C-alpha cells in the first residue's frame, strides 16, 4: 500500500515547517531544509522531531546504528 498523496501534500516538517519529499523507497520523508528524514512505519509517517534521523545516517526504514 502506498502513502496517501493527499496526506503528503498537507504534511510539513514539524521542526521548520518546510516542505517534505517522499524518498524513492517510500520509507521516509525528507526535509531538505533540516537535512533529516522522518521514518514511515506501516505506511504511517512518524512526524516526531525526536524520531527524525540525519540524512547522512539514514540507511533505509531505520536509522543507522550509532
C-alpha atoms as a PDB file:
ATOM      1  CA  UNK A   1       0.000   0.000   0.000  1.00  0.00           C
ATOM      2  CA  UNK A   2       1.400   3.407  -0.968  1.00  0.00           C
ATOM      3  CA  UNK A   3       1.326   6.528   1.125  1.00  0.00           C
ATOM      4  CA  UNK A   4      -1.747   8.689   0.696  1.00  0.00           C
ATOM      5  CA  UNK A   5      -0.764  11.518  -1.675  1.00  0.00           C
ATOM      6  CA  UNK A   6      -3.398  13.884  -0.250  1.00  0.00           C
ATOM      7  CA  UNK A   7      -1.900  13.422   3.207  1.00  0.00           C
ATOM      8  CA  UNK A   8       1.609  14.034   1.887  1.00  0.00           C
ATOM      9  CA  UNK A   9       0.544  17.385   0.420  1.00  0.00           C
ATOM     10  CA  UNK A  10      -0.612  18.517   3.872  1.00  0.00           C
ATOM     11  CA  UNK A  11       2.400  17.382   5.878  1.00  0.00           C
ATOM     12  CA  UNK A  12       5.256  19.746   6.695  1.00  0.00           C
ATOM     13  CA  UNK A  13       8.382  19.353   8.777  1.00  0.00           C
ATOM     14  CA  UNK A  14       7.393  19.717  12.449  1.00  0.00           C
ATOM     15  CA  UNK A  15      10.701  21.460  13.187  1.00  0.00           C
ATOM     16  CA  UNK A  16      10.921  24.136  10.459  1.00  0.00           C
ATOM     17  CA  UNK A  17       7.518  23.849   8.736  1.00  0.00           C
ATOM     18  CA  UNK A  18       9.331  23.230   5.449  1.00  0.00           C
ATOM     19  CA  UNK A  19       8.204  21.015   2.599  1.00  0.00           C
ATOM     20  CA  UNK A  20       8.778  17.266   2.720  1.00  0.00           C
ATOM     21  CA  UNK A  21       9.701  14.908  -0.099  1.00  0.00           C
ATOM     22  CA  UNK A  22       8.980  11.196  -0.127  1.00  0.00           C
ATOM     23  CA  UNK A  23      12.073   9.038  -0.548  1.00  0.00           C
ATOM     24  CA  UNK A  24      12.074   6.689  -3.565  1.00  0.00           C
ATOM     25  CA  UNK A  25      11.616   3.608  -1.365  1.00  0.00           C
ATOM     26  CA  UNK A  26       8.676   5.341   0.379  1.00  0.00           C
ATOM     27  CA  UNK A  27      10.259   4.531   3.745  1.00  0.00           C
ATOM     28  CA  UNK A  28      10.868   8.108   4.833  1.00  0.00           C
ATOM     29  CA  UNK A  29      10.018  11.765   4.323  1.00  0.00           C
ATOM     30  CA  UNK A  30      12.939  14.107   3.699  1.00  0.00           C
ATOM     31  CA  UNK A  31      13.125  17.676   4.929  1.00  0.00           C
ATOM     32  CA  UNK A  32      15.894  19.153   2.785  1.00  0.00           C
ATOM     33  CA  UNK A  33      15.991  22.353   4.862  1.00  0.00           C
ATOM     34  CA  UNK A  34      16.760  20.473   8.099  1.00  0.00           C
ATOM     35  CA  UNK A  35      18.628  17.594   6.452  1.00  0.00           C
ATOM     36  CA  UNK A  36      16.585  14.965   8.284  1.00  0.00           C
ATOM     37  CA  UNK A  37      14.372  12.043   7.364  1.00  0.00           C
ATOM     38  CA  UNK A  38      11.152  11.222   9.182  1.00  0.00           C
ATOM     39  CA  UNK A  39      10.566   7.448   9.037  1.00  0.00           C
ATOM     40  CA  UNK A  40       7.444   5.847   7.618  1.00  0.00           C
ATOM     41  CA  UNK A  41       6.260   2.830   9.591  1.00  0.00           C
ATOM     42  CA  UNK A  42       3.447   0.702   8.188  1.00  0.00           C
ATOM     43  CA  UNK A  43       2.530   3.451   5.682  1.00  0.00           C
ATOM     44  CA  UNK A  44       2.198   5.934   8.562  1.00  0.00           C
ATOM     45  CA  UNK A  45       4.660   8.847   8.716  1.00  0.00           C
ATOM     46  CA  UNK A  46       6.240   9.279  12.154  1.00  0.00           C
ATOM     47  CA  UNK A  47       6.272  13.071  12.389  1.00  0.00           C
ATOM     48  CA  UNK A  48       8.116  13.464  15.688  1.00  0.00           C
ATOM     49  CA  UNK A  49      11.259  15.608  15.792  1.00  0.00           C
ATOM     50  CA  UNK A  50      12.848  13.121  18.224  1.00  0.00           C
ATOM     51  CA  UNK A  51      12.287  10.277  15.737  1.00  0.00           C
ATOM     52  CA  UNK A  52      13.909  12.100  12.795  1.00  0.00           C
ATOM     53  CA  UNK A  53      17.248  10.831  11.540  1.00  0.00           C
ATOM     54  CA  UNK A  54      20.015  12.869   9.949  1.00  0.00           C
ATOM     55  CA  UNK A  55      20.045  12.229   6.210  1.00  0.00           C
ATOM     56  CA  UNK A  56      23.726  11.231   6.373  1.00  0.00           C
ATOM     57  CA  UNK A  57      22.855   8.414   8.810  1.00  0.00           C
ATOM     58  CA  UNK A  58      19.703   7.219   7.038  1.00  0.00           C
ATOM     59  CA  UNK A  59      20.080   3.644   5.754  1.00  0.00           C
ATOM     60  CA  UNK A  60      16.501   2.794   4.908  1.00  0.00           C
ATOM     61  CA  UNK A  61      13.476   2.248   7.061  1.00  0.00           C
ATOM     62  CA  UNK A  62      15.654   2.516  10.157  1.00  0.00           C
ATOM     63  CA  UNK A  63      18.394   4.993  11.030  1.00  0.00           C
ATOM     64  CA  UNK A  64      21.955   3.677  11.078  1.00  0.00           C
ATOM     65  CA  UNK A  65      23.251   2.456  14.412  1.00  0.00           C
ATOM     66  CA  UNK A  66      25.479   4.928  16.183  1.00  0.00           C
END
